[in-house]
Structures are given as C-alpha cells and as structure tokens.
N, C-alpha and C. Protein backbone atom coordinates (compact mmCIF):
# COMPACT_ATOMS: atom_id res chain seq x y z
N MET A 1 70.09 -15.73 14.27
CA MET A 1 70.63 -14.83 15.52
C MET A 1 71.45 -13.72 15.75
N LYS A 2 71.96 -12.99 14.69
CA LYS A 2 72.80 -12.58 13.98
C LYS A 2 71.81 -11.16 14.15
N LYS A 3 70.67 -11.17 13.28
CA LYS A 3 69.61 -10.07 13.22
C LYS A 3 69.07 -9.70 14.37
N TYR A 4 68.79 -10.73 15.23
CA TYR A 4 68.69 -10.32 16.99
C TYR A 4 69.54 -9.57 17.15
N LEU A 5 70.72 -9.94 17.52
CA LEU A 5 71.96 -9.28 18.51
C LEU A 5 71.91 -8.14 17.54
N ALA A 6 71.71 -7.80 16.16
CA ALA A 6 71.78 -5.96 15.59
C ALA A 6 70.85 -5.48 16.06
N GLU A 7 69.38 -6.52 16.13
CA GLU A 7 68.36 -5.00 16.86
C GLU A 7 68.62 -4.66 18.29
N MET A 8 69.09 -5.46 19.10
CA MET A 8 69.41 -5.38 20.47
C MET A 8 70.33 -4.19 20.33
N ILE A 9 71.57 -4.45 19.68
CA ILE A 9 72.90 -3.31 19.61
C ILE A 9 72.67 -1.74 18.95
N GLY A 10 71.67 -2.17 18.32
CA GLY A 10 70.67 -1.00 17.17
C GLY A 10 69.74 0.19 18.26
N THR A 11 69.08 -0.94 19.05
CA THR A 11 68.26 0.02 19.79
C THR A 11 69.04 0.35 21.10
N MET A 12 69.97 -0.21 21.89
CA MET A 12 71.05 0.12 22.79
C MET A 12 71.61 1.84 22.14
N VAL A 13 71.98 1.61 21.18
CA VAL A 13 72.41 3.01 20.22
C VAL A 13 71.43 4.11 20.86
N LEU A 14 70.18 3.69 20.10
CA LEU A 14 69.19 4.69 19.62
C LEU A 14 69.12 5.35 21.37
N VAL A 15 68.77 4.55 22.52
CA VAL A 15 68.48 5.01 23.27
C VAL A 15 69.86 5.90 24.37
N LEU A 16 70.92 5.04 24.18
CA LEU A 16 72.09 5.67 24.57
C LEU A 16 72.41 7.39 24.21
N MET A 17 71.95 7.36 22.78
CA MET A 17 72.50 8.35 21.80
C MET A 17 71.20 9.65 22.34
N GLY A 18 69.92 9.13 21.62
CA GLY A 18 68.68 9.63 21.77
C GLY A 18 68.50 10.23 23.17
N CYS A 19 68.18 9.39 24.19
CA CYS A 19 68.06 9.93 25.37
C CYS A 19 69.24 10.71 26.11
N GLY A 20 70.37 10.22 25.63
CA GLY A 20 71.27 10.63 26.38
C GLY A 20 71.57 12.26 25.92
N ALA A 21 71.30 12.28 24.62
CA ALA A 21 71.23 14.07 24.43
C ALA A 21 70.13 15.04 25.30
N ALA A 22 68.84 14.28 25.80
CA ALA A 22 68.27 14.97 26.74
C ALA A 22 68.60 15.07 27.79
N VAL A 23 69.22 14.12 28.84
CA VAL A 23 69.60 13.88 30.00
C VAL A 23 70.75 15.19 29.94
N PHE A 24 71.86 15.06 29.08
CA PHE A 24 73.05 15.68 29.20
C PHE A 24 72.84 17.48 28.49
N ALA A 25 72.21 17.19 27.37
CA ALA A 25 72.16 18.68 26.84
C ALA A 25 70.73 18.92 26.18
N GLY A 26 69.72 18.87 26.67
CA GLY A 26 68.47 18.85 26.82
C GLY A 26 68.12 20.33 27.56
N ALA A 27 66.84 21.00 26.88
CA ALA A 27 66.64 22.12 27.35
C ALA A 27 66.30 22.31 29.04
N GLY A 28 67.27 23.29 29.71
CA GLY A 28 66.87 23.15 30.65
C GLY A 28 68.04 22.45 31.57
N GLN A 29 68.90 21.94 30.97
CA GLN A 29 69.90 21.41 31.51
C GLN A 29 71.24 22.47 32.26
N PRO A 30 71.65 21.75 33.28
CA PRO A 30 73.29 23.21 33.74
C PRO A 30 74.15 22.80 32.61
N PHE A 31 74.18 22.01 32.08
CA PHE A 31 75.33 22.10 30.99
C PHE A 31 75.03 22.82 29.80
N ASP A 32 76.20 22.83 28.42
CA ASP A 32 75.30 23.58 27.34
C ASP A 32 74.54 23.07 26.46
N PRO A 33 73.16 23.73 26.61
CA PRO A 33 72.09 22.91 25.96
C PRO A 33 72.21 23.40 24.45
N VAL A 34 71.12 21.65 23.95
CA VAL A 34 70.98 21.83 22.46
C VAL A 34 69.72 21.74 22.10
N GLY A 35 69.13 22.16 23.51
CA GLY A 35 67.45 22.57 23.24
C GLY A 35 66.88 20.93 22.70
N THR A 36 65.50 21.61 22.33
CA THR A 36 65.01 20.71 21.40
C THR A 36 64.77 19.99 20.55
N LEU A 37 65.72 20.68 19.45
CA LEU A 37 65.83 20.74 17.98
C LEU A 37 67.13 19.63 18.09
N GLY A 38 68.20 20.23 19.12
CA GLY A 38 69.47 19.11 19.02
C GLY A 38 68.96 17.61 19.86
N VAL A 39 68.01 17.47 20.56
CA VAL A 39 67.54 16.06 21.04
C VAL A 39 67.06 15.63 19.78
N ALA A 40 66.19 16.23 19.21
CA ALA A 40 65.22 15.54 17.57
C ALA A 40 66.20 15.00 17.00
N PHE A 41 67.21 15.50 16.76
CA PHE A 41 68.40 15.51 15.88
C PHE A 41 69.41 14.24 16.23
N ALA A 42 69.37 14.26 17.53
CA ALA A 42 70.03 12.97 18.06
C ALA A 42 69.68 11.66 18.05
N PHE A 43 68.07 11.83 18.17
CA PHE A 43 67.21 10.52 17.69
C PHE A 43 67.55 10.14 16.34
N GLY A 44 66.80 11.19 15.71
CA GLY A 44 67.02 11.00 14.09
C GLY A 44 68.31 10.41 13.66
N LEU A 45 69.86 11.11 14.31
CA LEU A 45 70.77 10.87 13.30
C LEU A 45 71.35 9.41 14.04
N SER A 46 70.99 8.91 15.22
CA SER A 46 71.12 7.81 15.69
C SER A 46 70.35 6.78 14.61
N VAL A 47 69.01 7.04 14.42
CA VAL A 47 68.66 5.97 13.63
C VAL A 47 69.33 6.13 12.25
N VAL A 48 70.07 7.19 11.54
CA VAL A 48 70.66 7.20 10.51
C VAL A 48 71.93 6.58 10.40
N ALA A 49 72.78 6.51 11.64
CA ALA A 49 73.57 5.45 11.65
C ALA A 49 73.68 4.51 11.93
N MET A 50 72.70 3.72 12.72
CA MET A 50 72.16 2.70 12.74
C MET A 50 71.56 1.55 11.51
N ALA A 51 70.55 2.55 10.70
CA ALA A 51 70.33 2.08 9.52
C ALA A 51 71.59 1.71 8.53
N TYR A 52 72.43 2.47 8.11
CA TYR A 52 73.86 1.99 7.35
C TYR A 52 74.54 1.21 7.94
N ALA A 53 74.68 1.02 9.39
CA ALA A 53 75.64 -0.06 10.07
C ALA A 53 74.93 -1.42 10.37
N ILE A 54 73.51 -1.58 10.46
CA ILE A 54 73.20 -2.92 10.51
C ILE A 54 71.98 -3.25 9.84
N GLY A 55 71.87 -2.16 8.88
CA GLY A 55 70.21 -2.50 8.06
C GLY A 55 70.47 -3.71 7.02
N SER A 56 71.71 -3.94 6.64
CA SER A 56 71.64 -4.83 6.03
C SER A 56 71.95 -6.13 6.46
N ILE A 57 71.67 -6.37 8.20
CA ILE A 57 71.72 -7.33 8.79
C ILE A 57 70.53 -7.92 9.29
N SER A 58 69.55 -6.48 9.87
CA SER A 58 68.33 -6.94 10.09
C SER A 58 67.08 -6.12 9.84
N GLY A 59 68.23 -5.06 9.10
CA GLY A 59 66.71 -4.17 8.42
C GLY A 59 66.31 -2.88 9.48
N CYS A 60 67.14 -3.05 10.66
CA CYS A 60 67.13 -1.51 11.61
C CYS A 60 65.80 -1.40 12.04
N HIS A 61 64.86 -2.18 12.75
CA HIS A 61 63.90 -1.31 13.04
C HIS A 61 63.85 -0.73 13.89
N ILE A 62 64.87 -1.65 14.97
CA ILE A 62 64.97 -1.03 16.58
C ILE A 62 64.13 -0.39 17.10
N ASN A 63 63.00 -0.59 17.22
CA ASN A 63 61.40 -0.19 17.66
C ASN A 63 60.29 -1.30 17.56
N PRO A 64 59.86 -1.53 18.32
CA PRO A 64 58.73 -2.83 18.64
C PRO A 64 57.25 -2.25 17.49
N ALA A 65 57.46 -0.73 17.59
CA ALA A 65 56.28 -0.13 16.70
C ALA A 65 56.55 -0.61 15.41
N ILE A 66 57.94 -0.46 14.83
CA ILE A 66 57.93 -0.86 13.51
C ILE A 66 58.13 -2.57 12.96
N THR A 67 58.58 -2.90 13.97
CA THR A 67 58.18 -4.38 13.61
C THR A 67 56.87 -4.69 13.33
N LEU A 68 55.83 -4.50 14.43
CA LEU A 68 54.70 -4.33 14.58
C LEU A 68 53.91 -4.48 12.81
N GLY A 69 54.28 -3.11 12.54
CA GLY A 69 54.01 -2.43 11.47
C GLY A 69 54.50 -3.49 10.22
N VAL A 70 55.89 -3.81 10.19
CA VAL A 70 56.37 -4.65 9.17
C VAL A 70 55.46 -6.00 9.34
N PHE A 71 55.24 -6.59 10.42
CA PHE A 71 54.75 -7.61 10.70
C PHE A 71 53.32 -8.16 10.39
N LEU A 72 52.37 -6.88 10.26
CA LEU A 72 51.26 -6.70 9.94
C LEU A 72 50.94 -6.31 8.14
N SER A 73 52.21 -5.92 7.78
CA SER A 73 52.21 -5.54 6.34
C SER A 73 52.63 -6.72 5.36
N GLY A 74 52.46 -7.85 6.12
CA GLY A 74 53.39 -9.54 5.49
C GLY A 74 54.83 -9.44 4.93
N ARG A 75 55.35 -8.45 5.95
CA ARG A 75 56.65 -8.90 5.16
C ARG A 75 57.98 -9.80 6.46
N MET A 76 57.33 -9.99 7.57
CA MET A 76 58.31 -11.11 8.26
C MET A 76 57.02 -11.58 8.89
N SER A 77 57.44 -12.96 9.44
CA SER A 77 56.99 -14.07 10.31
C SER A 77 57.01 -13.32 11.66
N GLY A 78 56.05 -14.15 12.24
CA GLY A 78 55.61 -13.82 13.30
C GLY A 78 56.86 -14.35 14.68
N LYS A 79 57.35 -15.11 14.31
CA LYS A 79 58.41 -15.57 15.51
C LYS A 79 59.68 -14.29 15.19
N ASP A 80 59.55 -14.23 13.86
CA ASP A 80 60.77 -13.05 13.71
C ASP A 80 60.16 -11.71 14.59
N ALA A 81 59.02 -11.31 14.38
CA ALA A 81 58.76 -10.61 14.96
C ALA A 81 58.89 -10.59 16.61
N GLY A 82 58.46 -11.19 17.26
CA GLY A 82 58.27 -11.66 18.35
C GLY A 82 60.02 -11.61 19.18
N MET A 83 60.90 -12.06 18.24
CA MET A 83 61.90 -12.17 18.56
C MET A 83 63.15 -10.77 18.72
N TYR A 84 62.54 -10.18 17.46
CA TYR A 84 63.23 -9.05 17.18
C TYR A 84 62.26 -7.55 18.65
N MET A 85 61.03 -7.70 18.84
CA MET A 85 60.55 -7.01 20.00
C MET A 85 61.44 -7.18 21.10
N ILE A 86 61.75 -8.87 21.55
CA ILE A 86 62.58 -8.89 22.60
C ILE A 86 64.31 -8.82 22.95
N PHE A 87 64.52 -8.51 21.85
CA PHE A 87 65.94 -7.86 21.73
C PHE A 87 65.73 -6.56 21.63
N GLN A 88 65.02 -6.21 21.01
CA GLN A 88 65.00 -4.39 20.86
C GLN A 88 64.30 -3.84 22.64
N VAL A 89 63.77 -4.87 23.52
CA VAL A 89 63.56 -4.18 24.91
C VAL A 89 64.94 -4.61 25.46
N ILE A 90 65.48 -5.50 25.23
CA ILE A 90 66.69 -5.98 26.03
C ILE A 90 67.88 -4.34 25.63
N GLY A 91 67.66 -4.25 24.46
CA GLY A 91 69.13 -3.23 23.68
C GLY A 91 68.52 -2.08 24.31
N ALA A 92 67.54 -1.75 24.52
CA ALA A 92 67.10 -0.65 25.43
C ALA A 92 67.09 -0.66 27.02
N ILE A 93 67.04 -1.34 27.55
CA ILE A 93 67.52 -1.27 28.87
C ILE A 93 68.85 -1.65 28.81
N LEU A 94 69.98 -1.90 28.30
CA LEU A 94 71.31 -1.98 28.14
C LEU A 94 71.78 -0.67 28.28
N GLY A 95 70.69 -0.02 27.03
CA GLY A 95 71.37 1.41 27.04
C GLY A 95 70.96 2.06 28.11
N SER A 96 69.70 2.24 28.57
CA SER A 96 69.38 2.88 29.83
C SER A 96 70.43 2.98 31.22
N SER A 97 70.84 1.34 30.80
CA SER A 97 71.84 1.23 32.14
C SER A 97 73.11 2.29 32.05
N ILE A 98 73.33 1.83 30.84
CA ILE A 98 74.79 2.80 30.54
C ILE A 98 74.47 4.31 31.04
N LEU A 99 73.58 4.58 30.27
CA LEU A 99 73.15 6.27 30.63
C LEU A 99 72.94 6.41 31.77
N TRP A 100 72.17 5.85 32.90
CA TRP A 100 72.05 5.99 34.00
C TRP A 100 73.13 6.08 34.76
N PHE A 101 74.46 4.94 34.44
CA PHE A 101 75.75 5.21 35.14
C PHE A 101 76.61 6.47 34.89
N LEU A 102 76.26 6.76 33.84
CA LEU A 102 77.08 8.18 33.37
C LEU A 102 76.21 9.18 33.99
N ALA A 103 75.23 9.13 34.45
CA ALA A 103 74.18 10.63 34.52
C ALA A 103 73.97 10.74 35.65
N LYS A 104 74.27 9.43 36.81
CA LYS A 104 73.82 9.55 38.06
C LYS A 104 74.64 10.58 38.71
N ASP A 105 75.52 11.02 38.66
CA ASP A 105 76.17 11.89 39.25
C ASP A 105 76.66 13.05 38.48
N SER A 106 75.59 13.30 37.19
CA SER A 106 76.33 14.36 36.51
C SER A 106 75.34 15.82 36.95
N GLY A 107 74.50 15.69 37.98
CA GLY A 107 73.60 17.24 38.59
C GLY A 107 72.56 17.09 37.21
N SER A 108 72.08 16.40 36.27
CA SER A 108 70.96 16.55 35.58
C SER A 108 69.57 16.88 36.29
N THR A 109 69.26 18.09 35.94
CA THR A 109 68.24 18.29 36.50
C THR A 109 66.78 17.69 36.51
N THR A 110 66.60 16.95 35.45
CA THR A 110 65.60 16.49 35.30
C THR A 110 65.88 15.16 35.65
N THR A 111 65.30 14.01 34.46
CA THR A 111 65.45 12.67 34.33
C THR A 111 67.01 12.06 33.70
N LEU A 112 67.38 11.13 34.67
CA LEU A 112 68.66 10.63 34.40
C LEU A 112 68.72 9.35 33.09
N THR A 113 67.33 9.00 32.77
CA THR A 113 67.48 8.17 31.66
C THR A 113 66.94 8.69 30.37
N GLY A 114 66.10 10.08 30.65
CA GLY A 114 65.30 10.26 29.31
C GLY A 114 63.85 9.55 29.57
N ALA A 115 63.28 9.34 30.54
CA ALA A 115 62.24 8.78 30.58
C ALA A 115 60.95 9.75 29.99
N ASN A 116 60.22 8.81 29.02
CA ASN A 116 58.71 9.42 28.88
C ASN A 116 58.13 10.13 29.62
N GLY A 117 57.00 11.11 29.61
CA GLY A 117 56.00 11.15 30.51
C GLY A 117 55.26 12.64 30.31
N PHE A 118 53.92 12.77 30.61
CA PHE A 118 53.01 13.33 30.46
C PHE A 118 52.33 14.35 31.83
N ALA A 119 52.06 15.45 31.58
CA ALA A 119 51.74 16.50 32.72
C ALA A 119 50.16 15.73 32.87
N GLU A 120 49.69 15.93 34.52
CA GLU A 120 48.70 15.67 34.86
C GLU A 120 47.24 16.16 34.05
N GLY A 121 46.45 15.53 33.45
CA GLY A 121 45.24 15.31 33.23
C GLY A 121 45.56 15.63 31.79
N GLN A 122 46.57 15.20 31.03
CA GLN A 122 46.97 15.49 29.51
C GLN A 122 47.41 14.17 29.09
N MET A 123 46.43 12.76 29.83
CA MET A 123 46.50 11.70 29.30
C MET A 123 46.12 11.45 27.72
N ALA A 124 44.79 12.03 27.46
CA ALA A 124 44.29 11.95 26.28
C ALA A 124 44.67 12.32 25.02
N VAL A 125 45.31 13.71 25.36
CA VAL A 125 46.52 14.70 24.45
C VAL A 125 47.69 13.51 24.28
N ALA A 126 48.32 13.18 25.00
CA ALA A 126 49.69 12.06 24.96
C ALA A 126 49.07 10.89 24.20
N PHE A 127 48.26 10.12 24.38
CA PHE A 127 47.76 9.39 23.98
C PHE A 127 47.60 8.90 22.02
N VAL A 128 46.61 10.63 21.74
CA VAL A 128 46.82 10.86 20.74
C VAL A 128 47.54 11.11 19.92
N ALA A 129 48.69 11.80 20.55
CA ALA A 129 50.11 12.08 19.92
C ALA A 129 50.42 11.04 19.67
N GLU A 130 50.78 10.56 20.53
CA GLU A 130 51.79 9.19 20.58
C GLU A 130 51.32 7.96 18.98
N THR A 131 50.12 7.81 19.59
CA THR A 131 49.16 7.50 18.42
C THR A 131 49.39 7.74 17.06
N VAL A 132 49.18 9.11 16.84
CA VAL A 132 49.29 9.94 15.37
C VAL A 132 50.53 9.79 14.73
N PHE A 133 51.60 10.13 15.94
CA PHE A 133 53.09 10.66 15.42
C PHE A 133 53.75 9.21 15.10
N THR A 134 53.14 7.90 15.58
CA THR A 134 53.59 6.81 15.31
C THR A 134 53.21 6.39 14.06
N PHE A 135 51.89 6.41 13.57
CA PHE A 135 51.27 6.13 12.69
C PHE A 135 51.93 6.84 11.58
N ILE A 136 52.59 8.11 11.59
CA ILE A 136 53.35 8.68 10.57
C ILE A 136 54.61 7.84 10.46
N PHE A 137 55.38 8.10 11.04
CA PHE A 137 56.40 7.35 11.89
C PHE A 137 56.55 6.18 10.79
N VAL A 138 55.44 5.26 11.27
CA VAL A 138 55.75 3.45 10.40
C VAL A 138 55.28 3.79 9.23
N LEU A 139 54.07 4.71 8.53
CA LEU A 139 54.07 4.64 7.34
C LEU A 139 55.04 5.16 6.54
N VAL A 140 55.97 6.36 7.05
CA VAL A 140 56.99 6.43 6.10
C VAL A 140 58.00 5.07 6.28
N VAL A 141 58.30 4.79 7.25
CA VAL A 141 59.07 3.48 6.90
C VAL A 141 58.74 2.39 6.29
N LEU A 142 57.37 2.15 6.26
CA LEU A 142 56.84 1.32 5.16
C LEU A 142 56.85 1.67 3.48
N GLY A 143 56.40 3.07 3.60
CA GLY A 143 57.00 3.46 2.59
C GLY A 143 58.24 3.39 1.25
N VAL A 144 59.08 3.80 2.53
CA VAL A 144 60.43 3.92 2.38
C VAL A 144 61.40 2.61 1.80
N THR A 145 60.84 1.43 2.68
CA THR A 145 61.43 0.16 2.56
C THR A 145 60.55 -0.67 1.60
N ALA A 146 59.59 -0.43 0.72
CA ALA A 146 58.74 -1.24 -0.01
C ALA A 146 59.81 -1.84 -1.20
N LYS A 147 58.92 -2.98 -1.97
CA LYS A 147 59.94 -2.93 -3.02
C LYS A 147 60.42 -1.86 -4.09
N ASN A 148 59.37 -0.93 -4.29
CA ASN A 148 59.24 -0.03 -5.44
C ASN A 148 59.94 1.24 -4.69
N GLY A 149 60.20 1.27 -3.30
CA GLY A 149 60.72 2.67 -2.59
C GLY A 149 62.26 3.10 -2.81
N LEU A 150 62.39 4.29 -2.26
CA LEU A 150 63.53 4.75 -2.23
C LEU A 150 64.41 4.37 -1.39
N ASN A 151 64.80 2.66 -1.61
CA ASN A 151 65.54 2.15 -0.90
C ASN A 151 66.97 2.61 -0.42
N LYS A 152 67.26 3.26 -1.22
CA LYS A 152 69.07 3.82 -1.19
C LYS A 152 69.03 5.09 -0.13
N PHE A 153 67.86 5.71 0.15
CA PHE A 153 67.84 7.00 1.13
C PHE A 153 66.84 6.49 2.20
N ALA A 154 66.70 5.09 2.43
CA ALA A 154 65.51 4.81 3.54
C ALA A 154 66.00 5.73 4.60
N GLY A 155 67.46 4.90 4.91
CA GLY A 155 67.81 5.16 6.49
C GLY A 155 67.73 6.85 6.45
N LEU A 156 68.29 7.44 5.23
CA LEU A 156 68.23 8.89 5.63
C LEU A 156 66.87 9.49 5.97
N ALA A 157 65.64 9.14 5.40
CA ALA A 157 64.28 9.46 5.27
C ALA A 157 63.73 8.92 6.53
N ILE A 158 63.87 8.10 7.15
CA ILE A 158 63.70 7.38 8.18
C ILE A 158 63.94 8.47 9.32
N GLY A 159 65.29 8.54 9.18
CA GLY A 159 65.62 9.25 10.33
C GLY A 159 65.11 10.75 10.63
N LEU A 160 65.17 11.50 9.02
CA LEU A 160 64.80 12.73 9.24
C LEU A 160 63.41 13.03 9.80
N ALA A 161 62.73 11.73 9.16
CA ALA A 161 61.00 11.60 9.82
C ALA A 161 61.21 11.52 11.37
N LEU A 162 61.76 10.84 12.01
CA LEU A 162 61.44 10.65 13.30
C LEU A 162 62.32 12.18 14.07
N VAL A 163 63.52 12.98 13.30
CA VAL A 163 63.55 14.13 13.24
C VAL A 163 62.54 15.33 13.68
N LEU A 164 61.50 15.02 12.70
CA LEU A 164 60.21 15.61 12.35
C LEU A 164 59.35 15.45 13.46
N VAL A 165 59.00 14.16 14.20
CA VAL A 165 58.61 13.64 14.66
C VAL A 165 58.63 14.27 16.23
N HIS A 166 60.08 14.17 16.85
CA HIS A 166 60.21 14.68 18.19
C HIS A 166 60.13 16.18 18.09
N ILE A 167 60.51 17.22 17.07
CA ILE A 167 60.15 18.28 16.98
C ILE A 167 59.18 18.41 17.93
N VAL A 168 57.82 18.23 17.16
CA VAL A 168 56.76 18.36 17.33
C VAL A 168 56.15 17.55 19.11
N CYS A 169 56.81 16.38 18.90
CA CYS A 169 56.05 16.03 20.22
C CYS A 169 57.02 15.81 21.47
N ILE A 170 58.42 16.41 21.55
CA ILE A 170 58.80 16.42 22.58
C ILE A 170 57.86 17.18 23.67
N PRO A 171 57.75 18.16 23.76
CA PRO A 171 56.96 18.93 24.54
C PRO A 171 55.71 17.96 25.47
N ILE A 172 55.05 17.51 24.46
CA ILE A 172 54.01 16.47 24.96
C ILE A 172 54.47 15.65 25.66
N THR A 173 55.37 14.70 25.48
CA THR A 173 55.09 13.74 25.77
C THR A 173 56.88 12.88 26.05
N GLY A 174 57.81 14.04 25.56
CA GLY A 174 59.22 13.72 25.29
C GLY A 174 59.61 13.07 23.95
N THR A 175 58.55 12.33 23.66
CA THR A 175 58.41 11.14 22.32
C THR A 175 59.02 10.32 22.72
N SER A 176 58.10 9.26 22.60
CA SER A 176 58.54 8.05 22.15
C SER A 176 58.43 7.17 20.76
N VAL A 177 56.87 7.16 20.57
CA VAL A 177 56.64 6.26 18.86
C VAL A 177 57.44 5.02 19.13
N ASN A 178 58.42 4.64 19.97
CA ASN A 178 58.81 3.12 20.44
C ASN A 178 58.71 2.65 21.85
N PRO A 179 58.04 1.80 21.93
CA PRO A 179 57.71 1.40 23.22
C PRO A 179 58.85 0.66 24.07
N ALA A 180 60.05 0.35 23.56
CA ALA A 180 61.40 -0.33 23.88
C ALA A 180 62.05 0.52 24.24
N ARG A 181 62.21 1.83 23.40
CA ARG A 181 62.75 3.11 23.93
C ARG A 181 62.11 3.75 25.12
N SER A 182 60.73 3.68 25.64
CA SER A 182 60.13 3.97 26.52
C SER A 182 60.09 2.70 27.87
N ILE A 183 60.26 1.58 27.95
CA ILE A 183 60.68 0.53 28.58
C ILE A 183 62.02 1.09 29.31
N GLY A 184 62.84 0.51 28.88
CA GLY A 184 64.19 1.12 29.33
C GLY A 184 64.52 2.07 30.24
N PRO A 185 64.11 3.22 29.92
CA PRO A 185 64.39 4.66 30.67
C PRO A 185 63.42 4.29 32.10
N ALA A 186 62.22 3.86 31.60
CA ALA A 186 61.19 3.90 32.82
C ALA A 186 61.50 2.93 33.93
N ILE A 187 62.27 1.72 33.77
CA ILE A 187 62.46 0.85 34.54
C ILE A 187 63.70 1.54 35.51
N PHE A 188 64.44 2.18 34.93
CA PHE A 188 65.54 2.68 35.76
C PHE A 188 65.09 3.97 36.23
N GLU A 189 64.12 4.68 35.39
CA GLU A 189 63.58 6.04 36.33
C GLU A 189 62.62 5.72 37.40
N GLY A 190 61.35 4.84 37.41
CA GLY A 190 60.72 4.36 38.16
C GLY A 190 59.57 5.23 38.53
N GLY A 191 58.84 5.40 39.59
CA GLY A 191 57.89 6.45 39.99
C GLY A 191 56.72 6.50 38.87
N ALA A 192 56.70 7.87 38.39
CA ALA A 192 55.45 7.81 37.60
C ALA A 192 55.82 7.48 35.95
N ALA A 193 57.13 7.61 35.98
CA ALA A 193 57.26 7.11 34.55
C ALA A 193 56.72 5.39 34.14
N LEU A 194 57.15 4.92 35.53
CA LEU A 194 56.61 3.23 35.18
C LEU A 194 54.64 3.70 35.16
N GLY A 195 54.54 4.12 36.07
CA GLY A 195 53.19 4.35 36.11
C GLY A 195 52.46 4.67 34.93
N GLN A 196 53.01 5.59 33.87
CA GLN A 196 52.63 6.25 32.99
C GLN A 196 53.28 5.01 31.58
N LEU A 197 53.76 3.98 31.74
CA LEU A 197 54.60 3.26 30.65
C LEU A 197 53.67 2.77 30.02
N TRP A 198 52.51 2.31 30.46
CA TRP A 198 51.59 1.45 29.32
C TRP A 198 50.93 2.76 28.33
N LEU A 199 50.79 3.96 28.58
CA LEU A 199 50.70 4.40 27.24
C LEU A 199 51.64 4.64 26.22
N PHE A 200 52.84 4.34 26.44
CA PHE A 200 54.08 4.32 25.71
C PHE A 200 54.32 3.05 25.32
N ILE A 201 53.30 2.01 25.43
CA ILE A 201 53.68 1.21 24.81
C ILE A 201 52.36 0.70 24.01
N VAL A 202 51.46 1.26 24.33
CA VAL A 202 49.67 0.53 23.92
C VAL A 202 49.47 1.55 22.58
N ALA A 203 49.72 3.09 22.87
CA ALA A 203 50.00 4.18 22.12
C ALA A 203 50.58 3.95 20.67
N PRO A 204 52.03 3.49 21.01
CA PRO A 204 52.61 3.66 19.78
C PRO A 204 52.38 2.00 18.77
N LEU A 205 52.06 0.97 19.33
CA LEU A 205 51.47 -0.21 18.80
C LEU A 205 50.27 -0.04 18.03
N LEU A 206 49.39 1.11 18.77
CA LEU A 206 47.90 1.24 17.88
C LEU A 206 48.52 1.86 16.81
N GLY A 207 49.25 3.14 16.78
CA GLY A 207 49.70 3.70 15.78
C GLY A 207 50.24 2.96 14.65
N ALA A 208 51.15 1.92 14.95
CA ALA A 208 51.81 1.05 13.79
C ALA A 208 50.90 0.13 13.49
N ALA A 209 49.92 -0.20 14.10
CA ALA A 209 48.69 -1.39 13.26
C ALA A 209 48.05 -0.36 12.24
N ILE A 210 47.81 0.72 12.64
CA ILE A 210 46.78 1.64 11.41
C ILE A 210 47.70 1.91 10.39
N ALA A 211 48.74 2.20 10.57
CA ALA A 211 49.73 2.74 9.70
C ALA A 211 50.08 1.51 8.77
N ALA A 212 49.84 0.31 9.33
CA ALA A 212 50.00 -1.10 8.63
C ALA A 212 48.75 -1.10 7.63
N ILE A 213 47.84 -1.00 8.42
CA ILE A 213 46.44 -0.97 7.85
C ILE A 213 46.13 -0.36 6.65
N VAL A 214 46.65 0.90 6.49
CA VAL A 214 46.44 2.37 5.73
C VAL A 214 47.22 1.94 4.53
N TRP A 215 48.39 1.25 5.28
CA TRP A 215 49.41 1.32 4.00
C TRP A 215 49.41 -0.14 2.75
N LYS A 216 48.53 -1.09 3.52
CA LYS A 216 48.21 -2.18 2.72
C LYS A 216 46.53 -1.70 1.92
N GLY A 217 45.86 -1.03 2.50
CA GLY A 217 45.01 -0.43 1.97
C GLY A 217 45.48 0.37 0.50
N ILE A 218 46.24 1.36 0.91
CA ILE A 218 46.62 1.98 -0.39
C ILE A 218 47.53 1.65 -1.46
N THR A 219 48.10 0.58 -0.92
CA THR A 219 49.17 0.03 -1.85
C THR A 219 48.09 -0.79 -2.92
N VAL A 220 47.15 -1.82 -2.44
CA VAL A 220 46.24 -2.45 -3.13
C VAL A 220 45.35 -1.47 -4.28
N GLU A 221 45.33 -0.01 -3.57
CA GLU A 221 44.19 0.36 -4.61
C GLU A 221 45.28 0.55 -5.64
N ASN A 222 46.36 1.11 -5.45
CA ASN A 222 47.37 1.36 -6.58
C ASN A 222 47.86 0.46 -7.35
N ASP A 223 48.00 -0.88 -6.83
CA ASP A 223 47.82 -2.25 -7.54
C ASP A 223 46.52 -2.30 -8.69
N ALA A 224 45.21 -2.00 -8.17
CA ALA A 224 44.31 -2.13 -8.66
C ALA A 224 44.18 -1.03 -10.03
N VAL A 225 44.78 0.26 -9.90
CA VAL A 225 44.92 1.33 -10.39
C VAL A 225 45.76 1.33 -12.13
N LYS A 226 47.02 0.43 -11.44
CA LYS A 226 47.90 -0.14 -12.63
C LYS A 226 47.63 -0.55 -13.44
N ALA A 227 46.61 -1.91 -12.78
CA ALA A 227 46.50 -3.21 -13.65
C ALA A 227 44.88 -2.70 -14.41
N ALA A 228 44.35 -1.43 -14.14
CA ALA A 228 43.56 -0.78 -14.96
C ALA A 228 44.05 -0.21 -15.87
C-alpha cells in the first residue's frame, strides 16, 4: 500500500507544481510570467524532486504511461500496474483540486487547472505529437532504469527529458505525455478539455506501448550481440 500512496503523492505534486506554473506564471498570464521554458522546467524539476523523494518506495512512475511501459517490459505485475494507475489518477485529481482552489479567484486569463487541449482541426497533429513524445519519454525512462542503466542519475535524466519534451510540445497540446496529468485538470476544467480528454489518454498509452516494444527489441538484439 505504501508504494501506491507514494505514487498518489508524487502525481499530486507533479500536477500541482507543473500545472500550477502554467496557471500562475505561463505565457500571457497577468502575473510575472516564466513562459514556456519556465513551465517546462517546473514539470521536469517536479519529476526530479519526486524521483529522489519517493523513488526508493515506488520507483516514482507518477504517470500511467510509464507504468504501462514498465509493465509491458516485464518489470512489474499487472496487479501493481493497475493499482499504480488508479492511485496516480487520484493524486492528479487531488493536485488539480488544490490548484483550482488556489487559482479560482486569481485572475488567471487561461485555464485554472492547466488542462491540455488542441486547436480545431489539429487533432491529428496533437495525436501524433502526444504519441511520439510519450514514446521518447518512456524510452528514456526504460533505458536509465534498466539494470545496466545509469541508475544514480535516473531522476535527473528523466526530469530533463520531460523538460525537453515540454519545450517542444507545449505549443501543440500543452503537453500531456501523462494520462493522469490530463484527467485531473480536465475534470475541473470541463467543456472542451473533457471532450478532448480521450486523446490525452489514448495517445500517451500508445506511445508507451511502442516504447516498451522497441526497448525489448533493441535490448534482445544487444544481448544477442554480446552472446556472439
């Protein structure tokens, strides 16, 4: 149970800090803005902080896409994967509820929860972006957390990879690559955010599945080369 609670807390922090940066200091806000780069670093630094805070307890997935990738790579059981995802979504909802309460009277000119979305006619672009960037992100996670990976620097590498993904993807979708991170804010945002939510669940999970398949394929090939 402790690892599930750790995932809930970690996801709550990710949503509160990352989406909070977008709500209070993103580009175009009436407050002192940090812009796209600042928001990208807020998400990445949240992952770095939580990786070293709860990584020893749960592995710090705080993302159903990562959990799916780890499961499909054969590193965790189906039961644990399912419970991780449930508690990640709960954590995202908690983080979004706190953020909504803090922002509801703040004068924020865009979303109050950092909900994801895409422009009309850009569904295909958004789907490809979320799939590809999740694939890249999860592939990094699987690589640095492998038995022969650079485990001591895993948290830093994963956090910086998320920063990189956000820098490119924020202008397209606001960057999800994490179904839980999208579900929580969409529930409080409602409207178009809920209508588009399916994409931010399906595309990241598809990207994660592709990453797991590719990772297993290249590691098997690598093992064969070593054996030869």
